[in-house]
Protein backbone atom coordinates (compact mmCIF):
# COMPACT_ATOMS: atom_id res chain seq x y z
CA MET A 1 0.01 -0.16 0.23
CA ALA A 2 2.98 2.26 0.80
CA SER A 3 4.37 1.89 -2.64
CA PHE A 4 0.77 2.48 -4.29
CA ARG A 5 0.53 5.79 -2.43
CA VAL A 6 4.05 6.95 -3.78
CA SER A 7 3.07 5.70 -7.15
CA LEU A 8 -0.35 7.69 -6.74
CA ALA A 9 1.98 11.05 -5.16
CA TYR A 10 3.99 11.41 -8.06
CA SER A 11 1.03 10.41 -10.85
CA TYR A 12 -1.16 13.08 -9.30
CA LEU A 13 1.69 15.61 -9.61
CA ASN A 14 2.14 14.98 -12.70
CA LYS A 15 -1.58 15.72 -13.62
CA TYR A 16 -2.51 18.48 -11.69
CA VAL A 17 1.05 20.42 -13.18
CA THR A 18 -0.08 19.17 -16.78
CA LEU A 19 -3.78 19.87 -16.06
CA VAL A 20 -2.93 23.74 -15.21
CA ILE A 21 -1.16 23.93 -18.25
CA HIS A 22 -3.84 22.52 -20.17
CA PHE A 23 -6.34 24.62 -18.22
CA GLY A 24 -4.46 27.85 -18.96
CA THR A 25 -4.36 27.14 -22.46
CA SER A 26 -7.63 25.87 -23.29
CA ILE A 27 -8.79 29.47 -21.97
CA VAL A 28 -6.51 31.14 -23.80
CA MET A 29 -7.17 29.30 -26.99
CA ALA A 30 -10.75 29.55 -26.87
CA ARG A 31 -10.11 33.41 -26.69
CA LEU A 32 -7.75 32.92 -29.90
CA LEU A 33 -9.90 30.62 -32.03
CA THR A 34 -13.35 30.52 -33.15
CA PRO A 35 -15.84 27.76 -32.72
CA ALA A 36 -15.47 26.48 -36.01
CA ASP A 37 -11.26 26.40 -35.68
CA ILE A 38 -12.11 24.20 -32.78
CA GLY A 39 -14.86 21.97 -34.59
CA ILE A 40 -12.40 21.32 -37.65
CA TYR A 41 -9.52 19.72 -35.57
CA THR A 42 -12.27 17.99 -33.07
CA VAL A 43 -13.68 16.38 -36.27
CA ALA A 44 -10.29 15.60 -38.06
CA ALA A 45 -8.68 14.41 -34.44
CA VAL A 46 -11.53 11.93 -34.46
CA PHE A 47 -9.81 9.97 -37.66
CA VAL A 48 -6.77 10.78 -36.07
CA GLY A 49 -7.25 9.58 -32.59
CA LEU A 50 -8.89 6.24 -34.60
CA GLY A 51 -5.44 5.73 -36.32
CA HIS A 52 -3.76 6.37 -33.33
CA LEU A 53 -5.76 3.04 -31.70
CA LEU A 54 -4.82 0.91 -34.86
CA ARG A 55 -1.31 1.83 -34.14
CA GLU A 56 -1.43 0.89 -30.65
CA PHE A 57 -3.81 -1.60 -30.99
CA GLY A 58 -3.62 -2.85 -27.43
CA ILE A 59 0.21 -3.33 -27.59
CA ASN A 60 1.09 -0.83 -24.70
CA GLU A 61 -1.64 -2.52 -22.26
CA TYR A 62 0.11 -6.01 -23.28
CA VAL A 63 3.36 -4.57 -22.34
CA VAL A 64 1.95 -3.78 -18.80
CA GLN A 65 0.15 -6.42 -17.87
CA GLU A 66 1.96 -9.47 -19.09
CA LYS A 67 3.13 -11.61 -16.61
CA ASP A 68 6.50 -12.97 -18.25
CA LEU A 69 7.59 -10.17 -20.35
CA THR A 70 11.00 -11.67 -22.18
CA PRO A 71 13.32 -9.52 -24.22
CA ASN A 72 11.85 -11.22 -27.77
CA ARG A 73 8.47 -10.35 -26.45
CA ILE A 74 9.34 -6.66 -26.27
CA ARG A 75 11.23 -6.75 -29.71
CA ALA A 76 7.90 -8.21 -31.19
CA ALA A 77 5.73 -5.57 -29.57
CA PHE A 78 8.04 -2.64 -30.69
CA THR A 79 7.86 -4.50 -34.25
CA LEU A 80 4.10 -4.32 -34.29
CA ASN A 81 4.06 -0.81 -33.34
CA LEU A 82 6.51 0.32 -35.76
CA LEU A 83 4.62 -1.42 -38.09
CA PHE A 84 1.28 -0.19 -37.54
CA GLY A 85 1.99 3.67 -36.89
CA TRP A 86 4.10 3.75 -40.26
CA SER A 87 1.27 2.09 -42.18
CA ILE A 88 -1.51 3.89 -40.64
CA ALA A 89 0.60 7.22 -41.43
CA LEU A 90 0.37 6.25 -44.83
CA ILE A 91 -3.19 5.23 -45.02
CA LEU A 92 -4.37 8.41 -43.28
CA TYR A 93 -2.30 10.65 -45.63
CA PHE A 94 -3.98 9.30 -48.76
CA ALA A 95 -7.24 9.21 -46.94
CA ARG A 96 -7.39 12.99 -46.05
CA THR A 97 -8.72 14.12 -49.21
CA PRO A 98 -11.98 11.98 -49.32
CA ILE A 99 -12.32 12.63 -45.63
CA GLY A 100 -12.32 16.59 -46.13
CA ASN A 101 -14.48 15.93 -49.13
CA PHE A 102 -17.05 13.99 -47.15
CA TYR A 103 -17.29 17.21 -44.73
CA ASN A 104 -16.86 19.87 -47.42
CA SER A 105 -13.82 21.11 -45.22
CA GLU A 106 -10.47 21.89 -46.67
CA GLY A 107 -9.23 22.62 -43.22
CA ILE A 108 -10.20 18.90 -42.12
CA ARG A 109 -8.22 17.55 -45.05
CA GLU A 110 -4.98 19.86 -44.21
CA VAL A 111 -5.44 18.87 -40.46
CA ILE A 112 -5.16 15.07 -41.05
CA GLY A 113 -2.36 15.57 -43.39
CA LEU A 114 -0.10 17.44 -40.90
CA LEU A 115 -1.02 15.07 -37.95
CA CYS A 116 0.23 11.81 -39.85
CA ILE A 117 3.77 13.38 -38.91
CA ASN A 118 2.99 12.08 -35.23
CA PHE A 119 2.53 8.60 -36.45
CA LEU A 120 5.87 8.44 -37.57
CA LEU A 121 7.11 9.64 -34.30
CA VAL A 122 5.40 7.88 -31.66
CA PRO A 123 6.02 4.42 -32.22
CA ILE A 124 9.94 5.11 -31.60
CA GLY A 125 8.99 5.64 -27.83
CA ALA A 126 5.77 4.13 -27.11
CA ILE A 127 6.99 0.68 -26.15
CA THR A 128 9.57 2.29 -23.42
CA PHE A 129 7.09 4.47 -22.19
CA ALA A 130 4.74 1.25 -21.28
CA HIS A 131 7.78 -0.47 -19.97
CA ILE A 132 8.64 2.44 -17.91
CA ARG A 133 4.98 2.40 -16.52
CA ARG A 134 5.10 -1.28 -15.63
CA GLU A 135 8.12 -0.57 -13.52
CA MET A 136 6.16 1.97 -11.95
CA ARG A 137 8.85 4.69 -12.36
CA PHE A 138 5.88 7.55 -12.28
CA HIS A 139 8.54 10.29 -11.26
CA HIS A 140 10.05 9.53 -14.89
CA THR A 141 6.94 9.50 -16.75
CA MET A 142 5.99 12.67 -14.54
CA VAL A 143 9.22 14.52 -16.39
CA ILE A 144 8.20 13.47 -19.89
CA GLN A 145 4.52 14.32 -19.40
CA VAL A 146 5.48 17.70 -18.30
CA ALA A 147 8.04 18.64 -20.75
CA SER A 148 5.55 17.50 -23.34
CA THR A 149 2.64 19.66 -22.23
CA VAL A 150 5.09 22.62 -21.77
CA ALA A 151 6.22 22.33 -24.94
CA SER A 152 2.52 22.02 -26.55
CA ALA A 153 0.98 24.84 -24.98
CA VAL A 154 3.89 26.87 -25.84
CA VAL A 155 3.79 26.28 -29.67
CA GLY A 156 0.31 26.30 -29.66
CA ILE A 157 -0.47 29.56 -28.60
CA LEU A 158 2.54 31.07 -30.24
CA ALA A 159 1.08 29.58 -33.59
CA ALA A 160 -2.41 30.93 -32.52
CA LEU A 161 -1.00 34.61 -32.07
CA ALA A 162 0.66 34.10 -35.44
CA GLY A 163 -2.82 33.34 -37.22
CA GLU A 164 -2.77 30.15 -37.69
CA ALA A 165 -6.38 29.54 -36.68
CA TYR A 166 -6.79 25.34 -36.50
CA ARG A 167 -3.66 24.77 -37.57
CA SER A 168 -2.05 26.26 -34.61
CA LEU A 169 -3.70 23.12 -32.70
CA VAL A 170 -1.69 20.88 -34.99
CA TRP A 171 1.49 22.22 -34.42
CA SER A 172 0.83 22.25 -30.71
CA ALA A 173 0.04 17.98 -31.16
CA ILE A 174 3.28 17.63 -33.15
CA ALA A 175 5.50 19.82 -30.69
CA GLY A 176 4.09 17.73 -27.63
CA THR A 177 4.60 14.25 -29.65
CA LEU A 178 8.36 15.09 -30.45
CA THR A 179 9.22 16.22 -26.69
CA SER A 180 7.60 13.11 -25.55
CA VAL A 181 9.49 10.83 -27.44
CA ILE A 182 12.79 12.49 -27.03
CA PHE A 183 12.46 12.57 -23.43
CA THR A 184 11.23 8.78 -23.09
CA LEU A 185 14.43 7.76 -24.86
CA VAL A 186 16.28 9.22 -22.45
CA TYR A 187 14.79 7.64 -19.51
CA ARG A 188 14.62 4.28 -21.11
CA PRO A 189 15.53 1.53 -19.01
CA PRO A 190 19.42 0.31 -18.84
CA GLY A 191 20.04 -2.10 -21.65
CA MET A 192 16.98 -1.39 -23.47
CA LEU A 193 17.87 -1.60 -27.06
CA LEU A 194 14.70 -1.54 -28.95
CA LEU A 195 15.53 -3.96 -32.18
CA PRO A 196 12.59 -5.53 -34.52
CA GLY A 197 11.95 -8.95 -33.84
CA PHE A 198 9.44 -11.46 -34.91
CA ARG A 199 9.66 -14.79 -32.78
CA GLU A 200 7.20 -13.82 -30.13
CA ILE A 201 4.48 -11.71 -32.45
CA PRO A 202 1.91 -14.65 -32.14
CA HIS A 203 2.21 -14.36 -28.37
CA VAL A 204 1.73 -10.66 -28.46
CA PHE A 205 -1.00 -10.75 -31.07
CA ALA A 206 -2.98 -13.11 -29.00
CA PHE A 207 -3.65 -10.40 -26.30
CA CYS A 208 -3.90 -7.72 -29.03
CA ARG A 209 -6.96 -9.25 -31.33
CA TYR A 210 -9.21 -8.38 -28.49
CA ALA A 211 -7.28 -5.52 -26.88
CA GLY A 212 -7.20 -3.45 -30.18
CA PRO A 213 -10.68 -3.65 -31.41
CA ARG A 214 -11.72 -2.88 -27.92
CA GLN A 215 -9.87 0.19 -27.88
CA LEU A 216 -11.18 1.01 -31.56
CA ILE A 217 -14.74 0.38 -30.56
CA THR A 218 -14.45 2.74 -27.62
CA HIS A 219 -12.98 5.60 -29.24
CA ALA A 220 -16.02 5.13 -31.86
CA GLY A 221 -18.64 5.37 -29.29
CA GLN A 222 -16.71 8.11 -27.27
CA THR A 223 -16.58 10.09 -30.24
CA ALA A 224 -19.68 9.63 -31.79
CA PRO A 225 -21.18 13.13 -31.11
CA ASP A 226 -18.16 15.07 -33.13
CA TRP A 227 -18.38 12.89 -36.28
CA ILE A 228 -22.04 12.37 -36.31
CA LEU A 229 -22.61 16.16 -35.45
CA GLY A 230 -20.37 17.25 -37.87
CA LYS A 231 -22.21 15.67 -40.95
CA LEU A 232 -25.99 15.88 -39.42
CA LEU A 233 -25.42 19.25 -38.16
CA ASP A 234 -22.55 22.16 -38.22
CA MET A 235 -19.01 22.38 -37.36
CA SER A 236 -20.05 24.71 -34.67
CA ALA A 237 -22.63 22.31 -33.19
CA VAL A 238 -19.17 19.80 -32.85
CA GLY A 239 -17.69 22.89 -31.24
CA LEU A 240 -20.11 23.53 -28.68
CA TYR A 241 -20.89 19.86 -27.78
CA SER A 242 -16.77 19.45 -27.77
CA ARG A 243 -16.59 22.38 -25.23
CA ALA A 244 -19.17 20.99 -22.79
CA LEU A 245 -17.26 17.71 -23.18
CA GLY A 246 -14.15 19.27 -22.31
CA THR A 247 -15.25 20.83 -19.07
CA ILE A 248 -16.60 17.32 -18.14
CA ASN A 249 -13.25 16.05 -18.86
CA ILE A 250 -11.66 18.74 -16.73
CA PHE A 251 -12.34 16.35 -13.81
CA ASN A 252 -10.93 13.34 -15.60
CA LYS A 253 -7.61 15.22 -15.90
CA ALA A 254 -7.80 16.71 -12.19
CA PHE A 255 -8.46 13.33 -10.37
CA LEU A 256 -9.29 10.15 -12.77
CA GLU A 257 -6.09 10.20 -14.74
CA GLY A 258 -3.62 10.53 -12.01
CA LEU A 259 -5.41 7.30 -10.56
CA TRP A 260 -5.73 5.89 -14.23
CA GLY A 261 -2.04 5.82 -14.71
CA VAL A 262 -1.57 3.75 -11.85
CA ILE A 263 -4.09 1.36 -11.57
CA LEU A 264 -3.40 -0.82 -14.35
CA PRO A 265 0.20 -1.53 -13.74
CA HIS A 266 -1.03 -1.80 -9.97
CA PHE A 267 -3.48 -4.34 -10.12
CA SER A 268 -1.31 -5.99 -13.08
CA LYS A 269 1.46 -6.52 -10.68
CA GLN A 270 -1.45 -7.61 -7.69
CA HIS A 271 -2.30 -10.04 -10.16
CA ARG A 272 1.09 -11.66 -10.78
CA ASP A 273 1.93 -11.97 -7.31
CA GLU A 274 -1.15 -13.23 -6.23
CA ALA A 275 -4.86 -11.60 -6.34
CA ILE A 276 -6.48 -8.15 -6.45
CA ASP A 277 -7.45 -7.13 -3.22
CA LYS A 278 -11.14 -6.58 -2.99
CA ASP A 279 -11.11 -4.25 0.15
CA GLN A 280 -8.57 -2.26 -2.03
CA TYR A 281 -11.36 -2.01 -4.58
CA LEU A 282 -14.00 -0.95 -2.26
CA PHE A 283 -11.64 1.96 -0.95
CA LEU A 284 -11.17 3.00 -4.30
CA VAL A 285 -14.65 3.01 -5.37
CA ASP A 286 -15.53 4.86 -1.82
CA CYS A 287 -13.25 7.64 -2.85
CA ILE A 288 -14.07 7.92 -6.30
CA THR A 289 -17.66 8.37 -5.75
CA ALA A 290 -17.06 10.69 -2.62
CA VAL A 291 -14.93 12.99 -5.32
CA ALA A 292 -17.11 12.49 -8.49
CA TRP A 293 -20.29 12.88 -7.49
CA PRO A 294 -20.31 15.94 -5.48
CA PHE A 295 -17.99 17.43 -8.43
CA PHE A 296 -20.46 17.10 -10.89
CA ALA A 297 -23.72 18.07 -9.18
CA THR A 298 -22.07 21.36 -8.23
CA LEU A 299 -20.58 21.81 -11.96
CA ALA A 300 -24.05 21.11 -12.92
CA VAL A 301 -25.57 23.82 -10.82
CA LEU A 302 -22.75 26.31 -11.89
CA SER A 303 -22.34 25.34 -15.40
CA GLU A 304 -23.67 28.99 -16.87
CA PRO A 305 -21.01 30.99 -14.62
CA VAL A 306 -18.26 28.26 -15.28
CA ILE A 307 -18.95 28.32 -18.88
CA ARG A 308 -19.16 32.49 -19.00
CA ILE A 309 -16.22 32.97 -16.81
CA LEU A 310 -13.57 30.25 -18.30
CA PHE A 311 -14.40 30.56 -22.20
CA GLY A 312 -16.73 33.69 -22.66
CA GLU A 313 -20.14 34.45 -23.96
CA GLN A 314 -19.88 32.71 -27.28
CA TRP A 315 -19.91 29.12 -25.37
CA LEU A 316 -23.05 29.65 -23.60
CA GLU A 317 -25.43 27.48 -25.71
CA SER A 318 -23.25 24.44 -24.53
CA VAL A 319 -24.68 25.26 -20.95
CA PRO A 320 -27.69 22.94 -20.85
CA VAL A 321 -25.52 19.92 -22.93
CA LEU A 322 -22.78 20.54 -19.93
CA ARG A 323 -25.66 20.00 -17.20
CA ILE A 324 -27.04 16.74 -18.60
CA LEU A 325 -23.53 15.44 -19.51
CA CYS A 326 -22.66 15.88 -15.80
CA LEU A 327 -25.42 13.46 -14.72
CA GLY A 328 -24.09 11.21 -17.09
CA ALA A 329 -20.36 11.50 -15.91
CA MET A 330 -21.68 10.47 -12.34
CA PHE A 331 -23.21 6.85 -13.60
CA VAL A 332 -19.90 6.51 -15.72
CA TYR A 333 -17.44 7.21 -12.41
CA THR A 334 -19.51 4.83 -10.11
CA THR A 335 -17.98 1.92 -11.82
CA VAL A 336 -14.92 3.27 -13.72
CA LEU A 337 -12.38 0.74 -12.50
CA VAL A 338 -14.21 -2.35 -13.47
CA ASP A 339 -12.56 -2.55 -17.10
CA GLN A 340 -9.14 -2.26 -15.70
CA VAL A 341 -9.57 -4.78 -13.28
CA LEU A 342 -10.72 -7.43 -16.10
CA ILE A 343 -7.59 -6.05 -18.34
CA SER A 344 -5.35 -6.50 -15.16
CA THR A 345 -6.63 -10.20 -14.79
CA GLY A 346 -6.01 -10.97 -18.34
CA ARG A 347 -10.12 -11.25 -18.98
CA ILE A 348 -9.19 -8.90 -22.36
CA ARG A 349 -12.13 -11.15 -24.41
CA SER A 350 -14.97 -10.22 -21.69
CA SER A 351 -13.53 -6.67 -21.69
CA PHE A 352 -14.02 -6.80 -25.66
CA ARG A 353 -17.36 -7.90 -25.25
CA ILE A 354 -18.71 -5.18 -22.95
CA ILE A 355 -17.27 -2.54 -24.44
CA LEU A 356 -18.79 -3.97 -27.73
CA ALA A 357 -22.16 -3.83 -26.62
CA ILE A 358 -21.81 -0.31 -24.82
CA GLN A 359 -20.51 1.53 -27.76
CA VAL A 360 -22.92 0.06 -30.32
CA LEU A 361 -25.79 1.23 -28.40
CA MET A 362 -23.88 4.93 -28.06
CA VAL A 363 -23.44 5.01 -31.75
CA ILE A 364 -27.08 4.04 -32.45
CA SER A 365 -28.55 6.58 -29.45
CA VAL A 366 -26.63 9.21 -31.15
CA LEU A 367 -27.81 8.80 -34.69
CA ILE A 368 -31.41 8.60 -33.58
CA SER A 369 -30.77 11.61 -31.40
CA ALA A 370 -28.39 13.92 -33.53
CA PRO A 371 -31.46 15.58 -35.85
CA TYR A 372 -33.00 16.77 -32.82
CA GLY A 373 -30.47 18.73 -31.31
CA LEU A 374 -27.47 18.93 -28.86
CA ILE A 375 -29.53 18.54 -25.55
CA TRP A 376 -30.89 15.56 -27.03
CA VAL A 377 -27.79 13.78 -28.21
CA ALA A 378 -26.80 14.71 -24.22
CA VAL A 379 -29.84 12.92 -22.54
CA ALA A 380 -29.04 9.72 -25.01
CA THR A 381 -25.62 9.85 -23.97
CA ALA A 382 -26.42 9.95 -20.16
CA ALA A 383 -29.21 7.24 -20.96
CA VAL A 384 -26.37 4.76 -22.22
CA ASN A 385 -23.94 5.70 -19.35
CA LEU A 386 -26.90 4.23 -16.75
CA VAL A 387 -27.16 1.43 -18.84
CA GLN A 388 -23.27 0.84 -18.59
CA LEU A 389 -23.30 1.60 -14.82
CA CYS A 390 -25.81 -1.54 -14.66
CA ILE A 391 -23.62 -3.69 -16.46
CA TYR A 392 -20.30 -2.90 -14.68
CA GLN A 393 -21.97 -2.79 -11.12
CA ILE A 394 -23.03 -6.81 -11.84
CA ILE A 395 -19.69 -7.60 -13.52
CA GLY A 396 -18.09 -5.94 -10.43
CA GLN A 397 -19.87 -7.96 -7.80
CA ARG A 398 -19.13 -10.75 -9.89
CA ALA A 399 -15.67 -10.58 -10.27
CA PHE A 400 -14.94 -9.98 -6.35
CA ASN A 401 -17.59 -12.10 -5.28
CA ILE A 402 -19.11 -9.20 -3.18
CA ASN A 403 -22.37 -8.39 -2.31
CA PHE A 404 -24.45 -5.34 -3.29
CA LYS A 405 -25.36 -4.17 0.30
CA ALA A 406 -21.26 -3.75 0.40
CA PHE A 407 -21.72 -1.24 -2.21
CA ALA A 408 -25.08 0.21 -1.17
CA ARG A 409 -23.54 1.27 2.04
CA ILE A 410 -20.86 3.23 -0.09
CA TYR A 411 -23.33 5.00 -2.34
CA ILE A 412 -26.01 6.13 0.33
CA LYS A 413 -23.37 7.83 2.16
CA ASN A 414 -21.67 9.75 -0.83
CA ILE A 415 -25.37 10.74 -1.93
CA MET A 416 -25.88 12.46 1.36
CA LEU A 417 -22.46 13.78 0.81
CA THR A 418 -23.19 15.06 -2.93
CA CYS A 419 -26.74 16.57 -1.73
CA ALA A 420 -24.99 18.61 1.03
CA THR A 421 -22.03 19.60 -0.82
CA ALA A 422 -24.53 20.91 -3.56
CA VAL A 423 -26.33 23.33 -1.24
CA PRO A 424 -24.24 26.17 -1.42
CA SER A 425 -24.11 26.40 -5.37
CA LEU A 426 -27.76 26.22 -5.11
CA ILE A 427 -28.09 29.12 -2.64
CA ALA A 428 -25.71 31.38 -5.08
CA VAL A 429 -27.72 30.65 -8.04
CA LEU A 430 -31.16 31.14 -6.63
CA THR A 431 -30.16 34.32 -4.49
CA LEU A 432 -27.42 36.44 -6.92
CA ASN A 433 -28.15 37.74 -10.35
CA SER A 434 -26.75 36.38 -13.33
CA SER A 435 -24.44 39.27 -14.29
CA PRO A 436 -22.61 39.66 -10.63
CA PHE A 437 -22.70 35.99 -10.54
CA VAL A 438 -20.66 35.89 -13.07
CA PHE A 439 -17.55 37.87 -11.63
CA PHE A 440 -14.50 36.26 -10.53
CA PRO A 441 -14.73 36.73 -6.69
CA HIS A 442 -18.29 35.59 -6.60
CA MET A 443 -17.18 31.64 -7.97
CA VAL A 444 -14.05 31.47 -5.56
CA ALA A 445 -16.31 32.38 -2.50
CA VAL A 446 -18.67 29.52 -3.51
CA VAL A 447 -15.84 26.93 -4.84
CA ALA A 448 -14.09 28.06 -0.82
CA VAL A 449 -17.45 27.59 1.02
CA THR A 450 -18.22 24.02 -0.68
CA GLY A 451 -15.01 22.86 -0.53
CA LEU A 452 -15.19 23.44 3.55
CA ILE A 453 -18.40 21.56 3.48
CA TRP A 454 -17.20 18.68 1.40
CA ILE A 455 -14.13 18.61 3.83
CA GLY A 456 -16.49 18.56 7.24
CA LEU A 457 -18.92 16.16 5.66
CA ILE A 458 -16.10 13.37 4.43
CA TRP A 459 -14.92 13.43 8.22
CA LEU A 460 -18.29 13.23 9.75
CA LEU A 461 -19.26 10.36 7.50
CA LYS A 462 -15.96 8.81 8.26
CA SER A 463 -15.17 8.50 4.51
CA PRO A 464 -11.66 6.76 4.03
CA LEU A 465 -10.96 9.87 2.25
CA SER A 466 -10.45 11.76 5.33
CA THR A 467 -7.76 9.05 6.36
CA GLU A 468 -5.91 9.90 3.55
CA LEU A 469 -6.16 13.18 3.90
CA ILE A 470 -4.52 12.89 7.53
CA LYS A 471 -1.45 10.64 6.24
CA MET A 472 -1.04 13.16 3.42
CA LEU A 473 -0.86 16.15 5.90
CA SER A 474 1.52 14.22 8.17
CA HIS A 475 3.60 13.37 5.52
CA ILE A 476 3.79 16.67 4.45
CA LYS A 477 4.39 18.00 8.24
CA THR A 478 7.36 15.18 8.24
CA TRP A 479 8.84 16.45 5.29
CA ARG A 480 9.08 19.98 5.81
CA ALA A 481 10.21 19.22 9.51
CA ALA A 482 13.49 17.37 7.78
CA LYS A 483 14.02 20.09 5.60
CA VAL A 484 13.82 22.69 8.42
CA GLY A 485 16.31 20.23 10.20
CA GLY A 486 18.67 19.78 7.32
CA GLY A 487 17.65 16.11 7.38
CA SER A 488 15.83 13.53 5.30
CA PRO A 489 12.23 12.17 6.17
CA ARG A 490 12.31 8.58 6.82
């Protein structure tokens, strides 16, 4: 558990630093670019992201979870990654014109063509980075990702100021990838020299034949609103929906990504050693819902001032969409760990089947709802998220042989926490006019009061988060005492 906490500390420090940079960059870029600019890049990124999933094809996950990772298997994984990456770069380059013609957009064609550069760069460092994660060297992953984020932000803002419009997002992505590859090679494990190898390709592919399609299907379902709205409505609709979804993803970047980077390596190590600890799983479910539910409930109430302050008046049409997506996010984060457990324990086929069913339902729901507008698309998405919650809840109980009563105690306690935490935001919205409420000092006051109430409630409700906060403060106090005394903390 101690090593798990240390890994989490580095992972969260990494994510918070990159989040602050991403957050500041998105605010600046939202004022330098138009919804149409962001819409063009978003639609192009759907196809490029699909290409990246084809390039990876579950190979990185294989490296992290494989019990017996021999040098020949590492070389086979590198060979597959290289072949997939460079082949997809070629395919996307020639496909850029028909895709641009389909959307009647020269910008989409140009963005896809330029982003093919990343497919030539990423495979060079991808397997090494996955191996660094497997070894749980999160202090090195932090340096790599922070350096990449800084490079991406600086290049993107400078390009936007230079009038590059949607192309500024392209230059930003390429700069980040190049920086990441360089730093990954600097921190590669001693003696790890990646050379092509073919002997163990069948063994690697036995895992990837399910992991790869699973990632592709997930991507298709999650980005369904982007590529469907871009055709049935317009690029501004894509930009507005993307802005609402991007605001939702602030939580993912602020809280879950830090945990996400550790969970798969940690659970995989537990599975290699003995078995995944079900008490630790319940502990994590309790912690995640205690943070996610109050966050999204508060964000739903404060959607209008949040959008107005962060992104400006031109994005206010995304407010009702954001409110509905907050409800869907509460469903998703309730059982968000189940899929990682399935992968960690080698049950990739079960993960594939569940993902296939959920994402097919997502695509169908968006196709049906899109002609009726963005709000109905958000409603359809939240409905599918509810179905996903029910499926993963059943799977999670069976995987750990845990009775629903154990989960019910957690859920009831955190529903109480969520309702009480949302009170300050409701009072502020009902008592303050929209005009003065949009000013920054009012928002700071509401957030501060909400945070204090949340901290008090997790203490009163005896949430495991309160224990973890006390331990964290104790470690900080010990570290500061050691710094003042000129020694080193034990």
